[in-house]
Amino acid sequence: MSEGFCEAIDKCSNVLKLDFSSSEFAKIAEEQKYSMESVAAVNDVFAYICAKKEQATIQMLMQTSRLPLKNPKTFGNFDFSVLRGKELDRLKSLPSLMAIYAHKNIAFIGPAGTGKTHLAMAFGHECCQHGLKTYFIKASELRDKFANARRLGKEASTLTSLVRPACLIIDEIGHCEFDKETTRLFFDMVDRRCNKEGAYNLVFTSNKSPSLWRENFNEDDSLLCALDRIFDDATVFSIRGESFRGKRLETVALQTGHVPTPVGVGQ
């Protein structure tokens, strides 16, 4: 059997979580005197089952990510032609997912309508396509989630659920305020994620510069210094310019006026 075939068998066994290796199959094929056609047929079956399993995993990851399914936001349907800048290639390189494997956080900063959320969702979509668990949540939803966890005594399980995803996307930082208790939970989450194993990162969107985020978190300075941990190793994409929204807006001007009563009506 060729080296490529052996690699394919081992990959499929790993995806399907089978205690079976290419060397074992080679031994069986030798003992049973499989023809080249039989070996190729087995390879085709393994490849089909493996692809089916991978697709099912991707669908499950997308469904649990809270990313849009009907009209997904991807790098493929983002219009990069509207952006300018010497380092545009760094933005275009995000689909490589090197940021998540390097544990590098990402922030998209800019005014409303400049594509921040689309880009964040596109990164999450790409993570799902590569088998990485992803979760999207708005900052206001995260605040409420923490508040409810405290009220119900479920802080530990809530934090665990937010630490588990490889990619955690928090949208619209700066649109709401975290009180002292939810701030503590926020930074507990950040601290735990920084100590995760494997591929992981945080992705943020905001219309405020990171230097102003402190205004939305209530705690003493010693704890707020933890905010700096997010940007110890991060890439911040600052997007400026006009909003993409409303480009297809049509304004139809109409005017009301007095309609004269026809002669003879009411007589």
C-alpha atoms as a PDB file:
ATOM      1  CA  MET A   1       0.000   0.000   0.000  1.00  0.00           C
ATOM      2  CA  SER A   2       1.178   3.520  -0.735  1.00  0.00           C
ATOM      3  CA  GLU A   3       2.165   5.985   1.969  1.00  0.00           C
ATOM      4  CA  GLY A   4      -0.743   8.244   0.965  1.00  0.00           C
ATOM      5  CA  PHE A   5      -3.224   5.395   1.439  1.00  0.00           C
ATOM      6  CA  CYS A   6      -1.805   4.578   4.879  1.00  0.00           C
ATOM      7  CA  GLU A   7      -2.130   8.234   5.923  1.00  0.00           C
ATOM      8  CA  ALA A   8      -5.747   8.287   4.695  1.00  0.00           C
ATOM      9  CA  ILE A   9      -6.635   5.159   6.705  1.00  0.00           C
ATOM     10  CA  ASP A  10      -4.990   6.542   9.857  1.00  0.00           C
ATOM     11  CA  LYS A  11      -6.745   9.904   9.432  1.00  0.00           C
ATOM     12  CA  CYS A  12     -10.154   8.265   9.004  1.00  0.00           C
ATOM     13  CA  SER A  13      -9.570   6.019  12.002  1.00  0.00           C
ATOM     14  CA  ASN A  14      -8.720   9.086  14.070  1.00  0.00           C
ATOM     15  CA  VAL A  15     -11.824  11.003  12.903  1.00  0.00           C
ATOM     16  CA  LEU A  16     -14.066   8.010  13.517  1.00  0.00           C
ATOM     17  CA  LYS A  17     -12.289   7.249  16.818  1.00  0.00           C
ATOM     18  CA  LEU A  18     -11.531   3.677  15.756  1.00  0.00           C
ATOM     19  CA  ASP A  19      -8.878   1.519  17.368  1.00  0.00           C
ATOM     20  CA  PHE A  20      -7.581   0.575  13.951  1.00  0.00           C
ATOM     21  CA  SER A  21      -4.425   1.500  12.061  1.00  0.00           C
ATOM     22  CA  SER A  22      -3.180   1.304   8.501  1.00  0.00           C
ATOM     23  CA  SER A  23      -0.612  -1.323   9.540  1.00  0.00           C
ATOM     24  CA  GLU A  24      -3.428  -3.545  10.822  1.00  0.00           C
ATOM     25  CA  PHE A  25      -5.301  -3.136   7.558  1.00  0.00           C
ATOM     26  CA  ALA A  26      -2.136  -3.910   5.591  1.00  0.00           C
ATOM     27  CA  LYS A  27      -1.767  -7.139   7.538  1.00  0.00           C
ATOM     28  CA  ILE A  28      -5.387  -8.120   6.848  1.00  0.00           C
ATOM     29  CA  ALA A  29      -5.024  -7.245   3.157  1.00  0.00           C
ATOM     30  CA  GLU A  30      -1.879  -9.375   2.955  1.00  0.00           C
ATOM     31  CA  GLU A  31      -3.457 -12.356   4.691  1.00  0.00           C
ATOM     32  CA  GLN A  32      -6.645 -12.197   2.613  1.00  0.00           C
ATOM     33  CA  LYS A  33      -4.736 -11.502  -0.595  1.00  0.00           C
ATOM     34  CA  TYR A  34      -6.780  -8.374  -1.409  1.00  0.00           C
ATOM     35  CA  SER A  35      -6.417  -7.124  -4.956  1.00  0.00           C
ATOM     36  CA  MET A  36      -5.512  -3.496  -5.653  1.00  0.00           C
ATOM     37  CA  GLU A  37      -9.163  -2.937  -6.596  1.00  0.00           C
ATOM     38  CA  SER A  38     -10.321  -4.293  -3.218  1.00  0.00           C
ATOM     39  CA  VAL A  39      -7.846  -2.108  -1.334  1.00  0.00           C
ATOM     40  CA  ALA A  40      -9.020   0.941  -3.305  1.00  0.00           C
ATOM     41  CA  ALA A  41     -12.663   0.069  -2.546  1.00  0.00           C
ATOM     42  CA  VAL A  42     -11.929  -0.090   1.182  1.00  0.00           C
ATOM     43  CA  ASN A  43     -10.180   3.254   0.931  1.00  0.00           C
ATOM     44  CA  ASP A  44     -13.231   4.755  -0.804  1.00  0.00           C
ATOM     45  CA  VAL A  45     -15.567   3.464   1.906  1.00  0.00           C
ATOM     46  CA  PHE A  46     -13.341   4.835   4.673  1.00  0.00           C
ATOM     47  CA  ALA A  47     -13.105   8.217   2.922  1.00  0.00           C
ATOM     48  CA  TYR A  48     -16.894   8.399   2.475  1.00  0.00           C
ATOM     49  CA  ILE A  49     -17.651   7.583   6.125  1.00  0.00           C
ATOM     50  CA  CYS A  50     -14.941   9.990   7.283  1.00  0.00           C
ATOM     51  CA  ALA A  51     -16.306  12.849   5.148  1.00  0.00           C
ATOM     52  CA  LYS A  52     -19.835  12.150   6.391  1.00  0.00           C
ATOM     53  CA  LYS A  53     -18.660  12.265  10.003  1.00  0.00           C
ATOM     54  CA  GLU A  54     -16.741  15.490   9.468  1.00  0.00           C
ATOM     55  CA  GLN A  55     -19.755  17.149   7.826  1.00  0.00           C
ATOM     56  CA  ALA A  56     -22.017  16.090  10.698  1.00  0.00           C
ATOM     57  CA  THR A  57     -19.523  17.583  13.159  1.00  0.00           C
ATOM     58  CA  ILE A  58     -19.423  20.868  11.248  1.00  0.00           C
ATOM     59  CA  GLN A  59     -23.230  21.067  11.172  1.00  0.00           C
ATOM     60  CA  MET A  60     -23.399  20.424  14.918  1.00  0.00           C
ATOM     61  CA  LEU A  61     -20.750  23.078  15.613  1.00  0.00           C
ATOM     62  CA  MET A  62     -22.594  25.620  13.474  1.00  0.00           C
ATOM     63  CA  GLN A  63     -25.918  24.887  15.172  1.00  0.00           C
ATOM     64  CA  THR A  64     -24.479  25.371  18.660  1.00  0.00           C
ATOM     65  CA  SER A  65     -22.337  28.410  17.746  1.00  0.00           C
ATOM     66  CA  ARG A  66     -25.263  30.874  17.560  1.00  0.00           C
ATOM     67  CA  LEU A  67     -23.843  32.084  14.248  1.00  0.00           C
ATOM     68  CA  PRO A  68     -26.370  32.726  11.441  1.00  0.00           C
ATOM     69  CA  LEU A  69     -27.207  29.563   9.514  1.00  0.00           C
ATOM     70  CA  LYS A  70     -29.625  30.779   6.839  1.00  0.00           C
ATOM     71  CA  ASN A  71     -27.368  33.540   5.517  1.00  0.00           C
ATOM     72  CA  PRO A  72     -23.949  32.792   7.033  1.00  0.00           C
ATOM     73  CA  LYS A  73     -21.368  35.549   7.310  1.00  0.00           C
ATOM     74  CA  THR A  74     -18.170  34.271   5.720  1.00  0.00           C
ATOM     75  CA  PHE A  75     -14.908  35.657   4.440  1.00  0.00           C
ATOM     76  CA  GLY A  76     -16.084  34.575   0.994  1.00  0.00           C
ATOM     77  CA  ASN A  77     -19.083  36.904   1.015  1.00  0.00           C
ATOM     78  CA  PHE A  78     -17.317  39.853   2.659  1.00  0.00           C
ATOM     79  CA  ASP A  79     -16.481  42.666   0.221  1.00  0.00           C
ATOM     80  CA  PHE A  80     -12.773  43.284   0.846  1.00  0.00           C
ATOM     81  CA  SER A  81     -12.678  45.695  -2.114  1.00  0.00           C
ATOM     82  CA  VAL A  82     -14.227  48.463   0.008  1.00  0.00           C
ATOM     83  CA  LEU A  83     -11.264  48.429   2.409  1.00  0.00           C
ATOM     84  CA  ARG A  84      -7.937  50.144   1.951  1.00  0.00           C
ATOM     85  CA  GLY A  85      -4.717  49.997   3.923  1.00  0.00           C
ATOM     86  CA  LYS A  86      -1.096  48.859   3.776  1.00  0.00           C
ATOM     87  CA  GLU A  87      -1.816  45.878   6.009  1.00  0.00           C
ATOM     88  CA  LEU A  88      -5.013  44.678   4.359  1.00  0.00           C
ATOM     89  CA  ASP A  89      -3.310  41.349   3.709  1.00  0.00           C
ATOM     90  CA  ARG A  90      -3.236  40.700   7.454  1.00  0.00           C
ATOM     91  CA  LEU A  91      -7.025  40.889   7.484  1.00  0.00           C
ATOM     92  CA  LYS A  92      -7.240  38.643   4.440  1.00  0.00           C
ATOM     93  CA  SER A  93      -5.005  36.077   6.159  1.00  0.00           C
ATOM     94  CA  LEU A  94      -7.466  35.487   9.018  1.00  0.00           C
ATOM     95  CA  PRO A  95      -9.047  32.421   7.292  1.00  0.00           C
ATOM     96  CA  SER A  96      -5.758  30.587   7.944  1.00  0.00           C
ATOM     97  CA  LEU A  97      -6.833  30.522  11.625  1.00  0.00           C
ATOM     98  CA  MET A  98      -3.233  31.043  12.699  1.00  0.00           C
ATOM     99  CA  ALA A  99      -4.544  33.464  15.337  1.00  0.00           C
ATOM    100  CA  ILE A 100      -6.471  30.776  17.212  1.00  0.00           C
ATOM    101  CA  TYR A 101      -3.625  28.273  17.041  1.00  0.00           C
ATOM    102  CA  ALA A 102      -1.230  30.967  18.298  1.00  0.00           C
ATOM    103  CA  HIS A 103      -3.662  31.974  21.100  1.00  0.00           C
ATOM    104  CA  LYS A 104      -3.790  35.490  19.684  1.00  0.00           C
ATOM    105  CA  ASN A 105      -6.942  37.458  20.504  1.00  0.00           C
ATOM    106  CA  ILE A 106      -8.613  39.607  17.835  1.00  0.00           C
ATOM    107  CA  ALA A 107     -10.576  42.855  18.080  1.00  0.00           C
ATOM    108  CA  PHE A 108     -12.437  44.650  15.306  1.00  0.00           C
ATOM    109  CA  ILE A 109     -12.834  48.315  16.246  1.00  0.00           C
ATOM    110  CA  GLY A 110     -14.781  50.932  14.304  1.00  0.00           C
ATOM    111  CA  PRO A 111     -18.047  52.809  13.845  1.00  0.00           C
ATOM    112  CA  ALA A 112     -21.338  51.058  13.210  1.00  0.00           C
ATOM    113  CA  GLY A 113     -21.851  49.497   9.792  1.00  0.00           C
ATOM    114  CA  THR A 114     -18.200  48.999   8.834  1.00  0.00           C
ATOM    115  CA  GLY A 115     -18.259  45.194   8.798  1.00  0.00           C
ATOM    116  CA  LYS A 116     -16.929  44.403  12.280  1.00  0.00           C
ATOM    117  CA  THR A 117     -19.560  41.826  13.211  1.00  0.00           C
ATOM    118  CA  HIS A 118     -19.443  40.242   9.744  1.00  0.00           C
ATOM    119  CA  LEU A 119     -15.676  39.721  10.074  1.00  0.00           C
ATOM    120  CA  ALA A 120     -15.986  38.333  13.611  1.00  0.00           C
ATOM    121  CA  MET A 121     -18.717  35.933  12.498  1.00  0.00           C
ATOM    122  CA  ALA A 122     -16.664  34.948   9.443  1.00  0.00           C
ATOM    123  CA  PHE A 123     -13.761  33.990  11.705  1.00  0.00           C
ATOM    124  CA  GLY A 124     -16.108  31.913  13.843  1.00  0.00           C
ATOM    125  CA  HIS A 125     -17.612  30.278  10.740  1.00  0.00           C
ATOM    126  CA  GLU A 126     -14.122  29.317   9.572  1.00  0.00           C
ATOM    127  CA  CYS A 127     -13.371  27.826  12.992  1.00  0.00           C
ATOM    128  CA  CYS A 128     -16.485  25.642  12.772  1.00  0.00           C
ATOM    129  CA  GLN A 129     -15.473  24.456   9.296  1.00  0.00           C
ATOM    130  CA  HIS A 130     -12.197  23.234  10.819  1.00  0.00           C
ATOM    131  CA  GLY A 131     -13.849  21.404  13.700  1.00  0.00           C
ATOM    132  CA  LEU A 132     -13.247  24.071  16.367  1.00  0.00           C
ATOM    133  CA  LYS A 133     -16.073  24.762  18.814  1.00  0.00           C
ATOM    134  CA  THR A 134     -17.239  28.376  18.542  1.00  0.00           C
ATOM    135  CA  TYR A 135     -19.720  30.511  20.456  1.00  0.00           C
ATOM    136  CA  PHE A 136     -21.091  33.954  19.540  1.00  0.00           C
ATOM    137  CA  ILE A 137     -22.679  36.238  22.134  1.00  0.00           C
ATOM    138  CA  LYS A 138     -23.422  39.946  22.397  1.00  0.00           C
ATOM    139  CA  ALA A 139     -21.904  41.813  25.341  1.00  0.00           C
ATOM    140  CA  SER A 140     -25.367  42.652  26.713  1.00  0.00           C
ATOM    141  CA  GLU A 141     -26.335  38.966  26.538  1.00  0.00           C
ATOM    142  CA  LEU A 142     -23.119  38.020  28.313  1.00  0.00           C
ATOM    143  CA  ARG A 143     -23.823  40.526  31.084  1.00  0.00           C
ATOM    144  CA  ASP A 144     -27.345  39.135  31.525  1.00  0.00           C
ATOM    145  CA  LYS A 145     -26.005  35.584  31.446  1.00  0.00           C
ATOM    146  CA  PHE A 146     -23.636  36.394  34.302  1.00  0.00           C
ATOM    147  CA  ALA A 147     -26.374  38.173  36.273  1.00  0.00           C
ATOM    148  CA  ASN A 148     -28.717  35.182  35.911  1.00  0.00           C
ATOM    149  CA  ALA A 149     -25.925  32.790  36.884  1.00  0.00           C
ATOM    150  CA  ARG A 150     -25.341  34.728  40.098  1.00  0.00           C
ATOM    151  CA  ARG A 151     -29.068  34.820  40.876  1.00  0.00           C
ATOM    152  CA  LEU A 152     -29.416  31.055  40.358  1.00  0.00           C
ATOM    153  CA  GLY A 153     -26.093  30.095  41.926  1.00  0.00           C
ATOM    154  CA  LYS A 154     -24.765  28.700  38.631  1.00  0.00           C
ATOM    155  CA  GLU A 155     -21.599  30.752  38.247  1.00  0.00           C
ATOM    156  CA  ALA A 156     -19.327  27.692  37.951  1.00  0.00           C
ATOM    157  CA  SER A 157     -21.323  25.948  35.202  1.00  0.00           C
ATOM    158  CA  THR A 158     -21.802  29.212  33.304  1.00  0.00           C
ATOM    159  CA  LEU A 159     -18.074  29.957  33.352  1.00  0.00           C
ATOM    160  CA  THR A 160     -17.301  26.403  32.240  1.00  0.00           C
ATOM    161  CA  SER A 161     -19.658  26.748  29.269  1.00  0.00           C
ATOM    162  CA  LEU A 162     -17.894  29.969  28.208  1.00  0.00           C
ATOM    163  CA  VAL A 163     -14.386  28.607  28.697  1.00  0.00           C
ATOM    164  CA  ARG A 164     -15.053  25.414  26.712  1.00  0.00           C
ATOM    165  CA  PRO A 165     -15.310  26.879  23.140  1.00  0.00           C
ATOM    166  CA  ALA A 166     -12.060  27.263  21.255  1.00  0.00           C
ATOM    167  CA  CYS A 167     -13.293  30.567  19.806  1.00  0.00           C
ATOM    168  CA  LEU A 168     -15.459  32.860  21.920  1.00  0.00           C
ATOM    169  CA  ILE A 169     -16.830  35.905  20.050  1.00  0.00           C
ATOM    170  CA  ILE A 170     -18.136  38.814  22.123  1.00  0.00           C
ATOM    171  CA  ASP A 171     -19.983  41.372  20.012  1.00  0.00           C
ATOM    172  CA  GLU A 172     -20.538  45.063  20.798  1.00  0.00           C
ATOM    173  CA  ILE A 173     -18.302  45.671  23.807  1.00  0.00           C
ATOM    174  CA  GLY A 174     -19.115  49.173  25.015  1.00  0.00           C
ATOM    175  CA  HIS A 175     -22.863  49.020  24.382  1.00  0.00           C
ATOM    176  CA  CYS A 176     -23.672  48.073  27.981  1.00  0.00           C
ATOM    177  CA  GLU A 177     -22.245  48.358  31.475  1.00  0.00           C
ATOM    178  CA  PHE A 178     -21.094  45.496  33.711  1.00  0.00           C
ATOM    179  CA  ASP A 179     -21.604  45.948  37.461  1.00  0.00           C
ATOM    180  CA  LYS A 180     -18.976  44.817  39.977  1.00  0.00           C
ATOM    181  CA  GLU A 181     -20.164  41.219  40.216  1.00  0.00           C
ATOM    182  CA  THR A 182     -20.565  40.665  36.479  1.00  0.00           C
ATOM    183  CA  THR A 183     -17.190  42.355  35.943  1.00  0.00           C
ATOM    184  CA  ARG A 184     -15.572  39.829  38.289  1.00  0.00           C
ATOM    185  CA  LEU A 185     -17.160  36.961  36.400  1.00  0.00           C
ATOM    186  CA  PHE A 186     -16.026  38.477  33.092  1.00  0.00           C
ATOM    187  CA  PHE A 187     -12.401  38.591  34.183  1.00  0.00           C
ATOM    188  CA  ASP A 188     -12.620  35.158  35.798  1.00  0.00           C
ATOM    189  CA  MET A 189     -13.706  33.901  32.381  1.00  0.00           C
ATOM    190  CA  VAL A 190     -10.813  35.716  30.667  1.00  0.00           C
ATOM    191  CA  ASP A 191      -8.307  34.307  33.170  1.00  0.00           C
ATOM    192  CA  ARG A 192      -9.541  30.736  32.723  1.00  0.00           C
ATOM    193  CA  ARG A 193      -9.498  31.005  28.952  1.00  0.00           C
ATOM    194  CA  CYS A 194      -5.906  32.245  29.066  1.00  0.00           C
ATOM    195  CA  ASN A 195      -4.958  28.997  30.811  1.00  0.00           C
ATOM    196  CA  LYS A 196      -6.762  26.681  28.392  1.00  0.00           C
ATOM    197  CA  GLU A 197      -4.983  23.964  26.472  1.00  0.00           C
ATOM    198  CA  GLY A 198      -5.209  23.534  22.730  1.00  0.00           C
ATOM    199  CA  ALA A 199      -6.392  26.093  20.193  1.00  0.00           C
ATOM    200  CA  TYR A 200      -8.244  29.067  21.651  1.00  0.00           C
ATOM    201  CA  ASN A 201      -8.746  32.828  21.435  1.00  0.00           C
ATOM    202  CA  LEU A 202     -11.213  35.636  22.081  1.00  0.00           C
ATOM    203  CA  VAL A 203     -12.715  37.767  19.326  1.00  0.00           C
ATOM    204  CA  PHE A 204     -14.276  41.156  20.116  1.00  0.00           C
ATOM    205  CA  THR A 205     -16.105  43.861  18.215  1.00  0.00           C
ATOM    206  CA  SER A 206     -16.566  47.376  19.534  1.00  0.00           C
ATOM    207  CA  ASN A 207     -17.151  50.945  18.430  1.00  0.00           C
ATOM    208  CA  LYS A 208     -14.836  52.071  21.235  1.00  0.00           C
ATOM    209  CA  SER A 209     -11.066  51.941  21.457  1.00  0.00           C
ATOM    210  CA  PRO A 210      -9.854  49.248  23.908  1.00  0.00           C
ATOM    211  CA  SER A 211      -8.353  52.020  26.045  1.00  0.00           C
ATOM    212  CA  LEU A 212     -11.929  53.163  26.772  1.00  0.00           C
ATOM    213  CA  TRP A 213     -13.381  49.753  27.654  1.00  0.00           C
ATOM    214  CA  ARG A 214     -12.680  50.317  31.351  1.00  0.00           C
ATOM    215  CA  GLU A 215     -15.583  52.752  31.363  1.00  0.00           C
ATOM    216  CA  ASN A 216     -17.990  49.829  30.929  1.00  0.00           C
ATOM    217  CA  PHE A 217     -16.604  47.650  33.742  1.00  0.00           C
ATOM    218  CA  ASN A 218     -17.022  48.518  37.423  1.00  0.00           C
ATOM    219  CA  GLU A 219     -14.251  47.327  39.725  1.00  0.00           C
ATOM    220  CA  ASP A 220     -11.083  48.475  41.438  1.00  0.00           C
ATOM    221  CA  ASP A 221      -7.983  49.196  39.396  1.00  0.00           C
ATOM    222  CA  SER A 222      -6.186  46.024  40.449  1.00  0.00           C
ATOM    223  CA  LEU A 223      -8.869  43.839  38.864  1.00  0.00           C
ATOM    224  CA  LEU A 224      -9.312  46.078  35.855  1.00  0.00           C
ATOM    225  CA  CYS A 225      -5.640  45.529  35.074  1.00  0.00           C
ATOM    226  CA  ALA A 226      -6.758  42.065  34.021  1.00  0.00           C
ATOM    227  CA  LEU A 227      -8.250  43.767  30.974  1.00  0.00           C
ATOM    228  CA  ASP A 228      -4.686  44.170  29.756  1.00  0.00           C
ATOM    229  CA  ARG A 229      -4.349  40.380  29.597  1.00  0.00           C
ATOM    230  CA  ILE A 230      -6.716  40.349  26.656  1.00  0.00           C
ATOM    231  CA  PHE A 231      -4.291  42.494  24.693  1.00  0.00           C
ATOM    232  CA  ASP A 232      -1.017  40.943  25.869  1.00  0.00           C
ATOM    233  CA  ASP A 233      -0.950  39.093  22.563  1.00  0.00           C
ATOM    234  CA  ALA A 234      -3.660  40.370  20.259  1.00  0.00           C
ATOM    235  CA  THR A 235      -4.334  41.895  16.877  1.00  0.00           C
ATOM    236  CA  VAL A 236      -6.589  44.943  16.745  1.00  0.00           C
ATOM    237  CA  PHE A 237      -8.105  45.827  13.382  1.00  0.00           C
ATOM    238  CA  SER A 238      -9.142  49.477  13.437  1.00  0.00           C
ATOM    239  CA  ILE A 239     -11.659  50.115  10.656  1.00  0.00           C
ATOM    240  CA  ARG A 240     -12.550  53.663   9.673  1.00  0.00           C
ATOM    241  CA  GLY A 241     -14.857  55.063   7.056  1.00  0.00           C
ATOM    242  CA  GLU A 242     -18.489  55.233   6.068  1.00  0.00           C
ATOM    243  CA  SER A 243     -21.098  52.688   7.038  1.00  0.00           C
ATOM    244  CA  PHE A 244     -21.952  49.934   4.539  1.00  0.00           C
ATOM    245  CA  ARG A 245     -25.566  50.133   5.648  1.00  0.00           C
ATOM    246  CA  GLY A 246     -28.218  51.947   3.687  1.00  0.00           C
ATOM    247  CA  LYS A 247     -26.428  51.708   0.335  1.00  0.00           C
ATOM    248  CA  ARG A 248     -29.593  50.342  -1.297  1.00  0.00           C
ATOM    249  CA  LEU A 249     -31.933  52.643   0.572  1.00  0.00           C
ATOM    250  CA  GLU A 250     -34.637  54.246  -1.581  1.00  0.00           C
ATOM    251  CA  THR A 251     -36.438  57.358  -0.389  1.00  0.00           C
ATOM    252  CA  VAL A 252     -39.892  57.857  -1.915  1.00  0.00           C
ATOM    253  CA  ALA A 253     -41.220  61.370  -1.331  1.00  0.00           C
ATOM    254  CA  LEU A 254     -44.979  61.720  -1.022  1.00  0.00           C
ATOM    255  CA  GLN A 255     -47.196  64.570   0.075  1.00  0.00           C
ATOM    256  CA  THR A 256     -50.664  64.769   1.455  1.00  0.00           C
ATOM    257  CA  GLY A 257     -53.126  67.388   0.214  1.00  0.00           C
ATOM    258  CA  HIS A 258     -56.752  68.382   0.377  1.00  0.00           C
ATOM    259  CA  VAL A 259     -58.912  66.403  -2.048  1.00  0.00           C
ATOM    260  CA  PRO A 260     -61.852  68.593  -3.271  1.00  0.00           C
ATOM    261  CA  THR A 261     -65.294  67.124  -2.826  1.00  0.00           C
ATOM    262  CA  PRO A 262     -66.808  66.211  -6.242  1.00  0.00           C
ATOM    263  CA  VAL A 263     -69.744  68.369  -7.341  1.00  0.00           C
ATOM    264  CA  GLY A 264     -73.075  66.798  -6.485  1.00  0.00           C
ATOM    265  CA  VAL A 265     -71.809  64.656  -3.605  1.00  0.00           C
ATOM    266  CA  GLY A 266     -73.952  65.073  -0.480  1.00  0.00           C
ATOM    267  CA  GLN A 267     -76.622  67.156  -2.287  1.00  0.00           C
END
